[in-house]
Amino acid sequence: MGLIAAGIAMCGAAIGAGIGDGILISKMLEGMARQPELSNTLRTNMFIGVALIEVMPILAFVIAMLVMNK
């Protein structure tokens, strides 16, 4: 059961991170197209957002490892 739970946790985290990254990057590109003078600020904020989104799969991986080892 631990292996199934770990797989489901990683699957959900990967899907959620993919959707979140896609939405964030598309909105950043939309903002850059509308106001090119803000591209550096938008890019910096995008990298911060991507880092925060990617924390979710990393935490899911840690939790999956803990569940598998029980």
PDB file of N, CA and C in Angstrom:
ATOM      1  N   MET A   1       0.817  -1.201   0.000  1.00  0.00           N
ATOM      2  CA  MET A   1       0.000   0.000   0.000  1.00  0.00           C
ATOM      3  C   MET A   1       0.860   1.265   0.000  1.00  0.00           C
ATOM      4  N   GLY A   2       2.023   1.184   0.628  1.00  0.00           N
ATOM      5  CA  GLY A   2       2.893   2.348   0.672  1.00  0.00           C
ATOM      6  C   GLY A   2       3.395   2.755  -0.708  1.00  0.00           C
ATOM      7  N   LEU A   3       3.659   1.757  -1.550  1.00  0.00           N
ATOM      8  CA  LEU A   3       4.124   2.069  -2.902  1.00  0.00           C
ATOM      9  C   LEU A   3       3.034   2.752  -3.721  1.00  0.00           C
ATOM     10  N   ILE A   4       1.799   2.300  -3.558  1.00  0.00           N
ATOM     11  CA  ILE A   4       0.691   2.921  -4.287  1.00  0.00           C
ATOM     12  C   ILE A   4       0.475   4.350  -3.806  1.00  0.00           C
ATOM     13  N   ALA A   5       0.518   4.542  -2.493  1.00  0.00           N
ATOM     14  CA  ALA A   5       0.344   5.891  -1.947  1.00  0.00           C
ATOM     15  C   ALA A   5       1.459   6.821  -2.419  1.00  0.00           C
ATOM     16  N   ALA A   6       2.687   6.324  -2.454  1.00  0.00           N
ATOM     17  CA  ALA A   6       3.813   7.146  -2.909  1.00  0.00           C
ATOM     18  C   ALA A   6       3.651   7.505  -4.386  1.00  0.00           C
ATOM     19  N   GLY A   7       3.206   6.549  -5.189  1.00  0.00           N
ATOM     20  CA  GLY A   7       2.993   6.821  -6.608  1.00  0.00           C
ATOM     21  C   GLY A   7       1.905   7.842  -6.846  1.00  0.00           C
ATOM     22  N   ILE A   8       0.813   7.732  -6.098  1.00  0.00           N
ATOM     23  CA  ILE A   8      -0.282   8.693  -6.243  1.00  0.00           C
ATOM     24  C   ILE A   8       0.167  10.090  -5.806  1.00  0.00           C
ATOM     25  N   ALA A   9       0.937  10.169  -4.726  1.00  0.00           N
ATOM     26  CA  ALA A   9       1.425  11.469  -4.253  1.00  0.00           C
ATOM     27  C   ALA A   9       2.337  12.125  -5.283  1.00  0.00           C
ATOM     28  N   MET A  10       3.235  11.353  -5.862  1.00  0.00           N
ATOM     29  CA  MET A  10       4.152  11.912  -6.860  1.00  0.00           C
ATOM     30  C   MET A  10       3.414  12.285  -8.144  1.00  0.00           C
ATOM     31  N   CYS A  11       2.425  11.490  -8.517  1.00  0.00           N
ATOM     32  CA  CYS A  11       1.652  11.787  -9.730  1.00  0.00           C
ATOM     33  C   CYS A  11       0.901  13.108  -9.575  1.00  0.00           C
ATOM     34  N   GLY A  12       0.239  13.274  -8.446  1.00  0.00           N
ATOM     35  CA  GLY A  12      -0.497  14.516  -8.207  1.00  0.00           C
ATOM     36  C   GLY A  12       0.408  15.727  -8.144  1.00  0.00           C
ATOM     37  N   ALA A  13       1.558  15.569  -7.506  1.00  0.00           N
ATOM     38  CA  ALA A  13       2.492  16.686  -7.407  1.00  0.00           C
ATOM     39  C   ALA A  13       3.062  17.063  -8.770  1.00  0.00           C
ATOM     40  N   ALA A  14       3.373  16.064  -9.589  1.00  0.00           N
ATOM     41  CA  ALA A  14       3.926  16.345 -10.913  1.00  0.00           C
ATOM     42  C   ALA A  14       2.898  17.028 -11.810  1.00  0.00           C
ATOM     43  N   ILE A  15       1.656  16.557 -11.756  1.00  0.00           N
ATOM     44  CA  ILE A  15       0.608  17.184 -12.565  1.00  0.00           C
ATOM     45  C   ILE A  15       0.359  18.614 -12.102  1.00  0.00           C
ATOM     46  N   GLY A  16       0.271  18.803 -10.798  1.00  0.00           N
ATOM     47  CA  GLY A  16       0.035  20.148 -10.257  1.00  0.00           C
ATOM     48  C   GLY A  16       1.156  21.113 -10.597  1.00  0.00           C
ATOM     49  N   ALA A  17       2.393  20.656 -10.501  1.00  0.00           N
ATOM     50  CA  ALA A  17       3.530  21.517 -10.834  1.00  0.00           C
ATOM     51  C   ALA A  17       3.555  21.849 -12.321  1.00  0.00           C
ATOM     52  N   GLY A  18       3.220  20.881 -13.154  1.00  0.00           N
ATOM     53  CA  GLY A  18       3.190  21.137 -14.603  1.00  0.00           C
ATOM     54  C   GLY A  18       2.141  22.164 -14.975  1.00  0.00           C
ATOM     55  N   ILE A  19       0.960  22.036 -14.392  1.00  0.00           N
ATOM     56  CA  ILE A  19      -0.110  23.004 -14.662  1.00  0.00           C
ATOM     57  C   ILE A  19       0.276  24.381 -14.129  1.00  0.00           C
ATOM     58  N   GLY A  20       0.810  24.417 -12.908  1.00  0.00           N
ATOM     59  CA  GLY A  20       1.210  25.695 -12.319  1.00  0.00           C
ATOM     60  C   GLY A  20       2.301  26.394 -13.109  1.00  0.00           C
ATOM     61  N   ASP A  21       3.304  25.632 -13.541  1.00  0.00           N
ATOM     62  CA  ASP A  21       4.379  26.217 -14.354  1.00  0.00           C
ATOM     63  C   ASP A  21       3.847  26.741 -15.682  1.00  0.00           C
ATOM     64  N   GLY A  22       2.962  25.979 -16.295  1.00  0.00           N
ATOM     65  CA  GLY A  22       2.405  26.402 -17.581  1.00  0.00           C
ATOM     66  C   GLY A  22       1.619  27.695 -17.474  1.00  0.00           C
ATOM     67  N   ILE A  23       0.783  27.793 -16.460  1.00  0.00           N
ATOM     68  CA  ILE A  23      -0.006  29.010 -16.274  1.00  0.00           C
ATOM     69  C   ILE A  23       0.900  30.197 -15.968  1.00  0.00           C
ATOM     70  N   LEU A  24       1.870  29.993 -15.079  1.00  0.00           N
ATOM     71  CA  LEU A  24       2.768  31.085 -14.684  1.00  0.00           C
ATOM     72  C   LEU A  24       3.567  31.595 -15.877  1.00  0.00           C
ATOM     73  N   ILE A  25       4.135  30.705 -16.639  1.00  0.00           N
ATOM     74  CA  ILE A  25       4.970  31.122 -17.771  1.00  0.00           C
ATOM     75  C   ILE A  25       4.135  31.770 -18.867  1.00  0.00           C
ATOM     76  N   SER A  26       2.918  31.246 -19.109  1.00  0.00           N
ATOM     77  CA  SER A  26       2.082  31.866 -20.144  1.00  0.00           C
ATOM     78  C   SER A  26       1.671  33.278 -19.750  1.00  0.00           C
ATOM     79  N   LYS A  27       1.363  33.491 -18.482  1.00  0.00           N
ATOM     80  CA  LYS A  27       0.987  34.841 -18.035  1.00  0.00           C
ATOM     81  C   LYS A  27       2.185  35.780 -18.053  1.00  0.00           C
ATOM     82  N   MET A  28       3.377  35.258 -17.769  1.00  0.00           N
ATOM     83  CA  MET A  28       4.568  36.102 -17.827  1.00  0.00           C
ATOM     84  C   MET A  28       4.850  36.522 -19.264  1.00  0.00           C
ATOM     85  N   LEU A  29       4.707  35.593 -20.207  1.00  0.00           N
ATOM     86  CA  LEU A  29       4.915  35.948 -21.613  1.00  0.00           C
ATOM     87  C   LEU A  29       3.858  36.931 -22.097  1.00  0.00           C
ATOM     88  N   GLU A  30       2.639  36.773 -21.627  1.00  0.00           N
ATOM     89  CA  GLU A  30       1.580  37.718 -21.974  1.00  0.00           C
ATOM     90  C   GLU A  30       1.901  39.113 -21.439  1.00  0.00           C
ATOM     91  N   GLY A  31       2.408  39.178 -20.215  1.00  0.00           N
ATOM     92  CA  GLY A  31       2.797  40.463 -19.640  1.00  0.00           C
ATOM     93  C   GLY A  31       3.968  41.095 -20.369  1.00  0.00           C
ATOM     94  N   MET A  32       4.922  40.270 -20.790  1.00  0.00           N
ATOM     95  CA  MET A  32       6.065  40.801 -21.544  1.00  0.00           C
ATOM     96  C   MET A  32       5.626  41.317 -22.904  1.00  0.00           C
ATOM     97  N   ALA A  33       4.642  40.674 -23.510  1.00  0.00           N
ATOM     98  CA  ALA A  33       4.160  41.137 -24.809  1.00  0.00           C
ATOM     99  C   ALA A  33       3.417  42.461 -24.670  1.00  0.00           C
ATOM    100  N   ARG A  34       2.725  42.641 -23.555  1.00  0.00           N
ATOM    101  CA  ARG A  34       1.965  43.882 -23.362  1.00  0.00           C
ATOM    102  C   ARG A  34       2.851  45.051 -22.942  1.00  0.00           C
ATOM    103  N   GLN A  35       3.844  44.758 -22.077  1.00  0.00           N
ATOM    104  CA  GLN A  35       4.732  45.822 -21.595  1.00  0.00           C
ATOM    105  C   GLN A  35       6.183  45.330 -21.634  1.00  0.00           C
ATOM    106  N   PRO A  36       6.840  45.465 -22.780  1.00  0.00           N
ATOM    107  CA  PRO A  36       8.213  44.956 -22.910  1.00  0.00           C
ATOM    108  C   PRO A  36       9.215  45.637 -21.975  1.00  0.00           C
ATOM    109  N   GLU A  37       8.905  46.840 -21.536  1.00  0.00           N
ATOM    110  CA  GLU A  37       9.850  47.551 -20.659  1.00  0.00           C
ATOM    111  C   GLU A  37       9.927  46.916 -19.270  1.00  0.00           C
ATOM    112  N   LEU A  38       8.954  46.096 -18.903  1.00  0.00           N
ATOM    113  CA  LEU A  38       8.961  45.432 -17.607  1.00  0.00           C
ATOM    114  C   LEU A  38       9.479  43.993 -17.679  1.00  0.00           C
ATOM    115  N   SER A  39      10.124  43.637 -18.776  1.00  0.00           N
ATOM    116  CA  SER A  39      10.507  42.233 -18.976  1.00  0.00           C
ATOM    117  C   SER A  39      11.478  41.731 -17.909  1.00  0.00           C
ATOM    118  N   ASN A  40      12.423  42.560 -17.465  1.00  0.00           N
ATOM    119  CA  ASN A  40      13.369  42.111 -16.437  1.00  0.00           C
ATOM    120  C   ASN A  40      12.670  41.847 -15.113  1.00  0.00           C
ATOM    121  N   THR A  41      11.765  42.724 -14.722  1.00  0.00           N
ATOM    122  CA  THR A  41      11.020  42.532 -13.474  1.00  0.00           C
ATOM    123  C   THR A  41      10.127  41.303 -13.560  1.00  0.00           C
ATOM    124  N   LEU A  42       9.449  41.144 -14.692  1.00  0.00           N
ATOM    125  CA  LEU A  42       8.572  39.988 -14.867  1.00  0.00           C
ATOM    126  C   LEU A  42       9.364  38.687 -14.849  1.00  0.00           C
ATOM    127  N   ARG A  43      10.524  38.694 -15.482  1.00  0.00           N
ATOM    128  CA  ARG A  43      11.348  37.485 -15.528  1.00  0.00           C
ATOM    129  C   ARG A  43      11.834  37.111 -14.131  1.00  0.00           C
ATOM    130  N   THR A  44      12.239  38.099 -13.350  1.00  0.00           N
ATOM    131  CA  THR A  44      12.690  37.830 -11.989  1.00  0.00           C
ATOM    132  C   THR A  44      11.557  37.248 -11.152  1.00  0.00           C
ATOM    133  N   ASN A  45      10.384  37.859 -11.238  1.00  0.00           N
ATOM    134  CA  ASN A  45       9.242  37.349 -10.489  1.00  0.00           C
ATOM    135  C   ASN A  45       8.827  35.964 -10.970  1.00  0.00           C
ATOM    136  N   MET A  46       8.980  35.696 -12.257  1.00  0.00           N
ATOM    137  CA  MET A  46       8.641  34.374 -12.774  1.00  0.00           C
ATOM    138  C   MET A  46       9.565  33.318 -12.188  1.00  0.00           C
ATOM    139  N   PHE A  47      10.866  33.596 -12.106  1.00  0.00           N
ATOM    140  CA  PHE A  47      11.790  32.613 -11.551  1.00  0.00           C
ATOM    141  C   PHE A  47      11.495  32.338 -10.083  1.00  0.00           C
ATOM    142  N   ILE A  48      11.111  33.366  -9.338  1.00  0.00           N
ATOM    143  CA  ILE A  48      10.730  33.159  -7.942  1.00  0.00           C
ATOM    144  C   ILE A  48       9.477  32.289  -7.863  1.00  0.00           C
ATOM    145  N   GLY A  49       8.517  32.565  -8.718  1.00  0.00           N
ATOM    146  CA  GLY A  49       7.292  31.775  -8.742  1.00  0.00           C
ATOM    147  C   GLY A  49       7.531  30.336  -9.142  1.00  0.00           C
ATOM    148  N   VAL A  50       8.371  30.106 -10.145  1.00  0.00           N
ATOM    149  CA  VAL A  50       8.682  28.737 -10.565  1.00  0.00           C
ATOM    150  C   VAL A  50       9.379  27.985  -9.433  1.00  0.00           C
ATOM    151  N   ALA A  51      10.275  28.649  -8.720  1.00  0.00           N
ATOM    152  CA  ALA A  51      10.948  27.998  -7.600  1.00  0.00           C
ATOM    153  C   ALA A  51       9.944  27.596  -6.526  1.00  0.00           C
ATOM    154  N   LEU A  52       8.989  28.470  -6.225  1.00  0.00           N
ATOM    155  CA  LEU A  52       7.987  28.141  -5.216  1.00  0.00           C
ATOM    156  C   LEU A  52       7.063  27.025  -5.687  1.00  0.00           C
ATOM    157  N   ILE A  53       6.750  26.992  -6.968  1.00  0.00           N
ATOM    158  CA  ILE A  53       5.904  25.918  -7.501  1.00  0.00           C
ATOM    159  C   ILE A  53       6.653  24.588  -7.460  1.00  0.00           C
ATOM    160  N   GLU A  54       7.938  24.598  -7.763  1.00  0.00           N
ATOM    161  CA  GLU A  54       8.706  23.358  -7.809  1.00  0.00           C
ATOM    162  C   GLU A  54       9.003  22.790  -6.429  1.00  0.00           C
ATOM    163  N   VAL A  55       8.741  23.542  -5.374  1.00  0.00           N
ATOM    164  CA  VAL A  55       8.909  23.012  -4.026  1.00  0.00           C
ATOM    165  C   VAL A  55       7.901  21.899  -3.763  1.00  0.00           C
ATOM    166  N   MET A  56       6.708  22.008  -4.355  1.00  0.00           N
ATOM    167  CA  MET A  56       5.657  21.025  -4.118  1.00  0.00           C
ATOM    168  C   MET A  56       6.079  19.613  -4.527  1.00  0.00           C
ATOM    169  N   PRO A  57       6.607  19.373  -5.733  1.00  0.00           N
ATOM    170  CA  PRO A  57       7.035  18.008  -6.058  1.00  0.00           C
ATOM    171  C   PRO A  57       8.203  17.519  -5.205  1.00  0.00           C
ATOM    172  N   ILE A  58       9.062  18.425  -4.788  1.00  0.00           N
ATOM    173  CA  ILE A  58      10.177  18.016  -3.932  1.00  0.00           C
ATOM    174  C   ILE A  58       9.653  17.536  -2.588  1.00  0.00           C
ATOM    175  N   LEU A  59       8.708  18.278  -2.012  1.00  0.00           N
ATOM    176  CA  LEU A  59       8.110  17.847  -0.752  1.00  0.00           C
ATOM    177  C   LEU A  59       7.319  16.560  -0.923  1.00  0.00           C
ATOM    178  N   ALA A  60       6.631  16.410  -2.041  1.00  0.00           N
ATOM    179  CA  ALA A  60       5.894  15.172  -2.304  1.00  0.00           C
ATOM    180  C   ALA A  60       6.862  13.993  -2.415  1.00  0.00           C
ATOM    181  N   PHE A  61       8.024  14.206  -2.992  1.00  0.00           N
ATOM    182  CA  PHE A  61       9.016  13.139  -3.090  1.00  0.00           C
ATOM    183  C   PHE A  61       9.506  12.725  -1.708  1.00  0.00           C
ATOM    184  N   VAL A  62       9.767  13.699  -0.857  1.00  0.00           N
ATOM    185  CA  VAL A  62      10.217  13.396   0.506  1.00  0.00           C
ATOM    186  C   VAL A  62       9.136  12.632   1.256  1.00  0.00           C
ATOM    187  N   ILE A  63       7.893  13.069   1.145  1.00  0.00           N
ATOM    188  CA  ILE A  63       6.796  12.391   1.814  1.00  0.00           C
ATOM    189  C   ILE A  63       6.613  10.983   1.243  1.00  0.00           C
ATOM    190  N   ALA A  64       6.756  10.837  -0.079  1.00  0.00           N
ATOM    191  CA  ALA A  64       6.642   9.514  -0.689  1.00  0.00           C
ATOM    192  C   ALA A  64       7.724   8.574  -0.173  1.00  0.00           C
ATOM    193  N   MET A  65       8.931   9.075  -0.009  1.00  0.00           N
ATOM    194  CA  MET A  65       9.999   8.233   0.529  1.00  0.00           C
ATOM    195  C   MET A  65       9.698   7.829   1.973  1.00  0.00           C
ATOM    196  N   LEU A  66       9.144   8.751   2.759  1.00  0.00           N
ATOM    197  CA  LEU A  66       8.803   8.421   4.143  1.00  0.00           C
ATOM    198  C   LEU A  66       7.674   7.387   4.195  1.00  0.00           C
ATOM    199  N   VAL A  67       6.699   7.507   3.312  1.00  0.00           N
ATOM    200  CA  VAL A  67       5.585   6.560   3.296  1.00  0.00           C
ATOM    201  C   VAL A  67       6.067   5.176   2.844  1.00  0.00           C
ATOM    202  N   MET A  68       6.960   5.143   1.862  1.00  0.00           N
ATOM    203  CA  MET A  68       7.450   3.852   1.373  1.00  0.00           C
ATOM    204  C   MET A  68       8.274   3.130   2.418  1.00  0.00           C
ATOM    205  N   ASN A  69       8.989   3.851   3.252  1.00  0.00           N
ATOM    206  CA  ASN A  69       9.867   3.223   4.236  1.00  0.00           C
ATOM    207  C   ASN A  69       9.160   2.801   5.509  1.00  0.00           C
ATOM    208  N   LYS A  70       7.873   3.109   5.637  1.00  0.00           N
ATOM    209  CA  LYS A  70       7.141   2.695   6.836  1.00  0.00           C
ATOM    210  C   LYS A  70       6.740   1.272   6.757  1.00  0.00           C
TER     211      LYS A  70
END
